[in-house]
Amino acid sequence: MLTHILQGDPLANYGVRVEAPMSLVDDPGADTLDALLCAIQAARDWRQKDSGFDAPDELDALEGWIADPMLAA
């Protein structure tokens, strides 16, 4: 997964540049990799703040929402 992120084009896909050491995969609990994935998603989502974070119009305001570029209209 990390190789895919680093060798892919996160700037085009998420609007952010990603630099991370491959040693992140050495964490048996994957906490550091999870933190990187959360940071990428949070950075991408923050860039969408002016468009309502790409949330669907029918979003229930009482429910949580995880913004995802693959779900953006």
PDB file of N, CA and C in Angstrom:
ATOM      1  N   MET A   1       0.817  -1.180   0.000  1.00  0.00           N
ATOM      2  CA  MET A   1       0.000   0.000   0.000  1.00  0.00           C
ATOM      3  C   MET A   1       0.871   1.259   0.000  1.00  0.00           C
ATOM      4  N   LEU A   2       1.878   1.280   0.842  1.00  0.00           N
ATOM      5  CA  LEU A   2       2.752   2.453   0.904  1.00  0.00           C
ATOM      6  C   LEU A   2       3.486   2.636  -0.417  1.00  0.00           C
ATOM      7  N   THR A   3       3.957   1.558  -0.995  1.00  0.00           N
ATOM      8  CA  THR A   3       4.629   1.649  -2.292  1.00  0.00           C
ATOM      9  C   THR A   3       3.689   2.237  -3.335  1.00  0.00           C
ATOM     10  N   HIS A   4       2.461   1.798  -3.338  1.00  0.00           N
ATOM     11  CA  HIS A   4       1.462   2.309  -4.277  1.00  0.00           C
ATOM     12  C   HIS A   4       1.268   3.815  -4.100  1.00  0.00           C
ATOM     13  N   ILE A   5       1.199   4.263  -2.859  1.00  0.00           N
ATOM     14  CA  ILE A   5       1.022   5.690  -2.583  1.00  0.00           C
ATOM     15  C   ILE A   5       2.237   6.483  -3.052  1.00  0.00           C
ATOM     16  N   LEU A   6       3.423   6.004  -2.694  1.00  0.00           N
ATOM     17  CA  LEU A   6       4.638   6.750  -3.012  1.00  0.00           C
ATOM     18  C   LEU A   6       4.993   6.697  -4.495  1.00  0.00           C
ATOM     19  N   GLN A   7       4.684   5.593  -5.167  1.00  0.00           N
ATOM     20  CA  GLN A   7       5.007   5.483  -6.588  1.00  0.00           C
ATOM     21  C   GLN A   7       3.873   5.977  -7.473  1.00  0.00           C
ATOM     22  N   GLY A   8       2.706   6.173  -6.879  1.00  0.00           N
ATOM     23  CA  GLY A   8       1.578   6.711  -7.626  1.00  0.00           C
ATOM     24  C   GLY A   8       1.728   8.216  -7.761  1.00  0.00           C
ATOM     25  N   ASP A   9       0.629   8.888  -7.894  1.00  0.00           N
ATOM     26  CA  ASP A   9       0.655  10.335  -8.029  1.00  0.00           C
ATOM     27  C   ASP A   9      -0.288  10.958  -7.006  1.00  0.00           C
ATOM     28  N   PRO A  10       0.128  10.999  -5.726  1.00  0.00           N
ATOM     29  CA  PRO A  10      -0.764  11.537  -4.701  1.00  0.00           C
ATOM     30  C   PRO A  10      -1.104  13.011  -4.921  1.00  0.00           C
ATOM     31  N   LEU A  11      -0.238  13.746  -5.594  1.00  0.00           N
ATOM     32  CA  LEU A  11      -0.546  15.146  -5.863  1.00  0.00           C
ATOM     33  C   LEU A  11      -1.748  15.241  -6.798  1.00  0.00           C
ATOM     34  N   ALA A  12      -1.785  14.406  -7.828  1.00  0.00           N
ATOM     35  CA  ALA A  12      -2.918  14.411  -8.747  1.00  0.00           C
ATOM     36  C   ALA A  12      -4.159  13.806  -8.106  1.00  0.00           C
ATOM     37  N   ASN A  13      -3.983  12.745  -7.327  1.00  0.00           N
ATOM     38  CA  ASN A  13      -5.132  12.046  -6.747  1.00  0.00           C
ATOM     39  C   ASN A  13      -5.715  12.735  -5.520  1.00  0.00           C
ATOM     40  N   TYR A  14      -4.847  13.318  -4.701  1.00  0.00           N
ATOM     41  CA  TYR A  14      -5.302  13.888  -3.431  1.00  0.00           C
ATOM     42  C   TYR A  14      -4.978  15.371  -3.268  1.00  0.00           C
ATOM     43  N   GLY A  15      -4.206  15.925  -4.180  1.00  0.00           N
ATOM     44  CA  GLY A  15      -3.854  17.334  -4.079  1.00  0.00           C
ATOM     45  C   GLY A  15      -2.773  17.620  -3.066  1.00  0.00           C
ATOM     46  N   VAL A  16      -2.068  16.597  -2.635  1.00  0.00           N
ATOM     47  CA  VAL A  16      -0.982  16.773  -1.667  1.00  0.00           C
ATOM     48  C   VAL A  16       0.234  15.972  -2.109  1.00  0.00           C
ATOM     49  N   ARG A  17       1.385  16.456  -1.726  1.00  0.00           N
ATOM     50  CA  ARG A  17       2.619  15.718  -1.978  1.00  0.00           C
ATOM     51  C   ARG A  17       2.898  14.847  -0.763  1.00  0.00           C
ATOM     52  N   VAL A  18       3.298  13.616  -0.995  1.00  0.00           N
ATOM     53  CA  VAL A  18       3.536  12.675   0.097  1.00  0.00           C
ATOM     54  C   VAL A  18       4.980  12.202   0.055  1.00  0.00           C
ATOM     55  N   GLU A  19       5.658  12.363   1.173  1.00  0.00           N
ATOM     56  CA  GLU A  19       6.995  11.816   1.357  1.00  0.00           C
ATOM     57  C   GLU A  19       6.966  11.026   2.655  1.00  0.00           C
ATOM     58  N   ALA A  20       7.412   9.787   2.596  1.00  0.00           N
ATOM     59  CA  ALA A  20       7.411   8.950   3.793  1.00  0.00           C
ATOM     60  C   ALA A  20       8.477   7.871   3.634  1.00  0.00           C
ATOM     61  N   PRO A  21       9.095   7.485   4.728  1.00  0.00           N
ATOM     62  CA  PRO A  21      10.089   6.412   4.658  1.00  0.00           C
ATOM     63  C   PRO A  21       9.398   5.053   4.563  1.00  0.00           C
ATOM     64  N   MET A  22       9.998   4.148   3.841  1.00  0.00           N
ATOM     65  CA  MET A  22       9.452   2.795   3.731  1.00  0.00           C
ATOM     66  C   MET A  22       9.456   2.083   5.081  1.00  0.00           C
ATOM     67  N   SER A  23      10.202   2.606   6.041  1.00  0.00           N
ATOM     68  CA  SER A  23      10.248   1.979   7.367  1.00  0.00           C
ATOM     69  C   SER A  23       8.891   2.039   8.077  1.00  0.00           C
ATOM     70  N   LEU A  24       7.953   2.824   7.559  1.00  0.00           N
ATOM     71  CA  LEU A  24       6.616   2.846   8.156  1.00  0.00           C
ATOM     72  C   LEU A  24       5.976   1.467   8.157  1.00  0.00           C
ATOM     73  N   VAL A  25       6.339   0.640   7.194  1.00  0.00           N
ATOM     74  CA  VAL A  25       5.742  -0.693   7.104  1.00  0.00           C
ATOM     75  C   VAL A  25       6.345  -1.655   8.129  1.00  0.00           C
ATOM     76  N   ASP A  26       7.397  -1.240   8.826  1.00  0.00           N
ATOM     77  CA  ASP A  26       8.031  -2.095   9.823  1.00  0.00           C
ATOM     78  C   ASP A  26       7.258  -2.151  11.137  1.00  0.00           C
ATOM     79  N   ASP A  27       6.301  -1.260  11.323  1.00  0.00           N
ATOM     80  CA  ASP A  27       5.496  -1.221  12.536  1.00  0.00           C
ATOM     81  C   ASP A  27       4.481  -2.363  12.485  1.00  0.00           C
ATOM     82  N   PRO A  28       4.626  -3.377  13.348  1.00  0.00           N
ATOM     83  CA  PRO A  28       3.732  -4.540  13.273  1.00  0.00           C
ATOM     84  C   PRO A  28       2.264  -4.196  13.512  1.00  0.00           C
ATOM     85  N   GLY A  29       1.998  -3.132  14.237  1.00  0.00           N
ATOM     86  CA  GLY A  29       0.617  -2.725  14.478  1.00  0.00           C
ATOM     87  C   GLY A  29       0.075  -1.807  13.404  1.00  0.00           C
ATOM     88  N   ALA A  30       0.952  -1.370  12.501  1.00  0.00           N
ATOM     89  CA  ALA A  30       0.607  -0.479  11.380  1.00  0.00           C
ATOM     90  C   ALA A  30       0.080   0.877  11.835  1.00  0.00           C
ATOM     91  N   ASP A  31       0.385   1.253  13.071  1.00  0.00           N
ATOM     92  CA  ASP A  31      -0.094   2.544  13.561  1.00  0.00           C
ATOM     93  C   ASP A  31       0.511   3.714  12.792  1.00  0.00           C
ATOM     94  N   THR A  32       1.774   3.632  12.451  1.00  0.00           N
ATOM     95  CA  THR A  32       2.404   4.740  11.734  1.00  0.00           C
ATOM     96  C   THR A  32       1.883   4.834  10.303  1.00  0.00           C
ATOM     97  N   LEU A  33       1.646   3.712   9.659  1.00  0.00           N
ATOM     98  CA  LEU A  33       1.060   3.726   8.314  1.00  0.00           C
ATOM     99  C   LEU A  33      -0.359   4.267   8.377  1.00  0.00           C
ATOM    100  N   ASP A  34      -1.108   3.862   9.375  1.00  0.00           N
ATOM    101  CA  ASP A  34      -2.472   4.357   9.562  1.00  0.00           C
ATOM    102  C   ASP A  34      -2.463   5.870   9.755  1.00  0.00           C
ATOM    103  N   ALA A  35      -1.514   6.365  10.526  1.00  0.00           N
ATOM    104  CA  ALA A  35      -1.411   7.806  10.752  1.00  0.00           C
ATOM    105  C   ALA A  35      -1.117   8.541   9.450  1.00  0.00           C
ATOM    106  N   LEU A  36      -0.248   7.972   8.611  1.00  0.00           N
ATOM    107  CA  LEU A  36       0.048   8.591   7.318  1.00  0.00           C
ATOM    108  C   LEU A  36      -1.203   8.627   6.444  1.00  0.00           C
ATOM    109  N   LEU A  37      -1.939   7.522   6.384  1.00  0.00           N
ATOM    110  CA  LEU A  37      -3.156   7.476   5.578  1.00  0.00           C
ATOM    111  C   LEU A  37      -4.179   8.493   6.067  1.00  0.00           C
ATOM    112  N   CYS A  38      -4.318   8.622   7.365  1.00  0.00           N
ATOM    113  CA  CYS A  38      -5.233   9.620   7.927  1.00  0.00           C
ATOM    114  C   CYS A  38      -4.786  11.033   7.583  1.00  0.00           C
ATOM    115  N   ALA A  39      -3.492  11.274   7.639  1.00  0.00           N
ATOM    116  CA  ALA A  39      -2.970  12.604   7.318  1.00  0.00           C
ATOM    117  C   ALA A  39      -3.199  12.951   5.848  1.00  0.00           C
ATOM    118  N   ILE A  40      -3.002  11.989   4.955  1.00  0.00           N
ATOM    119  CA  ILE A  40      -3.254  12.223   3.529  1.00  0.00           C
ATOM    120  C   ILE A  40      -4.720  12.565   3.311  1.00  0.00           C
ATOM    121  N   GLN A  41      -5.596  11.771   3.906  1.00  0.00           N
ATOM    122  CA  GLN A  41      -7.024  12.007   3.724  1.00  0.00           C
ATOM    123  C   GLN A  41      -7.442  13.343   4.341  1.00  0.00           C
ATOM    124  N   ALA A  42      -6.941  13.664   5.511  1.00  0.00           N
ATOM    125  CA  ALA A  42      -7.291  14.930   6.159  1.00  0.00           C
ATOM    126  C   ALA A  42      -6.803  16.118   5.338  1.00  0.00           C
ATOM    127  N   ALA A  43      -5.602  16.025   4.795  1.00  0.00           N
ATOM    128  CA  ALA A  43      -5.070  17.112   3.975  1.00  0.00           C
ATOM    129  C   ALA A  43      -5.902  17.300   2.717  1.00  0.00           C
ATOM    130  N   ARG A  44      -6.258  16.191   2.075  1.00  0.00           N
ATOM    131  CA  ARG A  44      -7.082  16.260   0.871  1.00  0.00           C
ATOM    132  C   ARG A  44      -8.445  16.861   1.208  1.00  0.00           C
ATOM    133  N   ASP A  45      -9.035  16.414   2.293  1.00  0.00           N
ATOM    134  CA  ASP A  45     -10.358  16.890   2.663  1.00  0.00           C
ATOM    135  C   ASP A  45     -10.350  18.368   3.018  1.00  0.00           C
ATOM    136  N   TRP A  46      -9.309  18.801   3.708  1.00  0.00           N
ATOM    137  CA  TRP A  46      -9.224  20.215   4.082  1.00  0.00           C
ATOM    138  C   TRP A  46      -9.187  21.097   2.837  1.00  0.00           C
ATOM    139  N   ARG A  47      -8.560  20.604   1.786  1.00  0.00           N
ATOM    140  CA  ARG A  47      -8.519  21.366   0.531  1.00  0.00           C
ATOM    141  C   ARG A  47      -9.912  21.487  -0.094  1.00  0.00           C
ATOM    142  N   GLN A  48     -10.845  20.649   0.328  1.00  0.00           N
ATOM    143  CA  GLN A  48     -12.207  20.669  -0.205  1.00  0.00           C
ATOM    144  C   GLN A  48     -13.186  21.429   0.703  1.00  0.00           C
ATOM    145  N   LYS A  49     -12.677  22.135   1.692  1.00  0.00           N
ATOM    146  CA  LYS A  49     -13.549  22.779   2.677  1.00  0.00           C
ATOM    147  C   LYS A  49     -14.512  23.777   2.050  1.00  0.00           C
ATOM    148  N   ASP A  50     -14.090  24.466   0.999  1.00  0.00           N
ATOM    149  CA  ASP A  50     -14.955  25.465   0.372  1.00  0.00           C
ATOM    150  C   ASP A  50     -16.073  24.841  -0.458  1.00  0.00           C
ATOM    151  N   SER A  51     -15.962  23.551  -0.732  1.00  0.00           N
ATOM    152  CA  SER A  51     -17.022  22.868  -1.485  1.00  0.00           C
ATOM    153  C   SER A  51     -17.780  21.894  -0.584  1.00  0.00           C
ATOM    154  N   GLY A  52     -17.790  22.166   0.714  1.00  0.00           N
ATOM    155  CA  GLY A  52     -18.521  21.311   1.647  1.00  0.00           C
ATOM    156  C   GLY A  52     -17.873  19.958   1.841  1.00  0.00           C
ATOM    157  N   PHE A  53     -16.559  19.890   1.610  1.00  0.00           N
ATOM    158  CA  PHE A  53     -15.797  18.649   1.793  1.00  0.00           C
ATOM    159  C   PHE A  53     -16.277  17.536   0.864  1.00  0.00           C
ATOM    160  N   ASP A  54     -16.932  17.906  -0.221  1.00  0.00           N
ATOM    161  CA  ASP A  54     -17.473  16.941  -1.200  1.00  0.00           C
ATOM    162  C   ASP A  54     -18.515  16.011  -0.588  1.00  0.00           C
ATOM    163  N   ALA A  55     -19.125  16.444   0.502  1.00  0.00           N
ATOM    164  CA  ALA A  55     -20.171  15.631   1.129  1.00  0.00           C
ATOM    165  C   ALA A  55     -21.420  15.652   0.258  1.00  0.00           C
ATOM    166  N   PRO A  56     -22.144  14.539   0.197  1.00  0.00           N
ATOM    167  CA  PRO A  56     -23.367  14.512  -0.596  1.00  0.00           C
ATOM    168  C   PRO A  56     -24.433  15.429   0.005  1.00  0.00           C
ATOM    169  N   ASP A  57     -25.306  15.949  -0.813  1.00  0.00           N
ATOM    170  CA  ASP A  57     -26.357  16.855  -0.352  1.00  0.00           C
ATOM    171  C   ASP A  57     -27.269  16.189   0.668  1.00  0.00           C
ATOM    172  N   GLU A  58     -27.479  14.887   0.525  1.00  0.00           N
ATOM    173  CA  GLU A  58     -28.400  14.178   1.419  1.00  0.00           C
ATOM    174  C   GLU A  58     -27.734  13.708   2.715  1.00  0.00           C
ATOM    175  N   LEU A  59     -26.558  14.201   3.004  1.00  0.00           N
ATOM    176  CA  LEU A  59     -25.833  13.799   4.203  1.00  0.00           C
ATOM    177  C   LEU A  59     -26.627  14.146   5.459  1.00  0.00           C
ATOM    178  N   ASP A  60     -26.771  13.194   6.339  1.00  0.00           N
ATOM    179  CA  ASP A  60     -27.426  13.405   7.621  1.00  0.00           C
ATOM    180  C   ASP A  60     -26.431  14.109   8.534  1.00  0.00           C
ATOM    181  N   ALA A  61     -26.752  15.323   8.947  1.00  0.00           N
ATOM    182  CA  ALA A  61     -25.835  16.130   9.753  1.00  0.00           C
ATOM    183  C   ALA A  61     -25.543  15.500  11.115  1.00  0.00           C
ATOM    184  N   LEU A  62     -26.357  14.550  11.549  1.00  0.00           N
ATOM    185  CA  LEU A  62     -26.135  13.894  12.833  1.00  0.00           C
ATOM    186  C   LEU A  62     -25.228  12.677  12.718  1.00  0.00           C
ATOM    187  N   GLU A  63     -24.917  12.290  11.506  1.00  0.00           N
ATOM    188  CA  GLU A  63     -24.061  11.130  11.276  1.00  0.00           C
ATOM    189  C   GLU A  63     -22.658  11.589  10.895  1.00  0.00           C
ATOM    190  N   GLY A  64     -21.704  10.719  11.104  1.00  0.00           N
ATOM    191  CA  GLY A  64     -20.335  11.022  10.703  1.00  0.00           C
ATOM    192  C   GLY A  64     -20.180  10.894   9.199  1.00  0.00           C
ATOM    193  N   TRP A  65     -19.140  11.475   8.668  1.00  0.00           N
ATOM    194  CA  TRP A  65     -18.873  11.430   7.229  1.00  0.00           C
ATOM    195  C   TRP A  65     -17.381  11.333   7.032  1.00  0.00           C
ATOM    196  N   ILE A  66     -16.965  10.366   6.248  1.00  0.00           N
ATOM    197  CA  ILE A  66     -15.566  10.256   5.866  1.00  0.00           C
ATOM    198  C   ILE A  66     -15.486  10.657   4.400  1.00  0.00           C
ATOM    199  N   ALA A  67     -14.907  11.804   4.154  1.00  0.00           N
ATOM    200  CA  ALA A  67     -14.792  12.294   2.782  1.00  0.00           C
ATOM    201  C   ALA A  67     -13.824  11.405   2.026  1.00  0.00           C
ATOM    202  N   ASP A  68     -14.134  11.142   0.778  1.00  0.00           N
ATOM    203  CA  ASP A  68     -13.317  10.256  -0.043  1.00  0.00           C
ATOM    204  C   ASP A  68     -13.336  10.776  -1.466  1.00  0.00           C
ATOM    205  N   PRO A  69     -12.171  10.998  -2.064  1.00  0.00           N
ATOM    206  CA  PRO A  69     -12.149  11.530  -3.434  1.00  0.00           C
ATOM    207  C   PRO A  69     -12.829  10.611  -4.434  1.00  0.00           C
ATOM    208  N   MET A  70     -12.920   9.334  -4.130  1.00  0.00           N
ATOM    209  CA  MET A  70     -13.564   8.394  -5.055  1.00  0.00           C
ATOM    210  C   MET A  70     -15.082   8.556  -5.038  1.00  0.00           C
ATOM    211  N   LEU A  71     -15.620   9.190  -4.007  1.00  0.00           N
ATOM    212  CA  LEU A  71     -17.061   9.378  -3.898  1.00  0.00           C
ATOM    213  C   LEU A  71     -17.508  10.766  -4.336  1.00  0.00           C
ATOM    214  N   ALA A  72     -16.544  11.659  -4.609  1.00  0.00           N
ATOM    215  CA  ALA A  72     -16.879  13.016  -5.010  1.00  0.00           C
ATOM    216  C   ALA A  72     -17.612  13.024  -6.343  1.00  0.00           C
ATOM    217  N   ALA A  73     -18.601  13.862  -6.424  1.00  0.00           N
ATOM    218  CA  ALA A  73     -19.381  13.952  -7.676  1.00  0.00           C
ATOM    219  C   ALA A  73     -18.673  14.802  -8.692  1.00  0.00           C
TER     220      ALA A  73
END
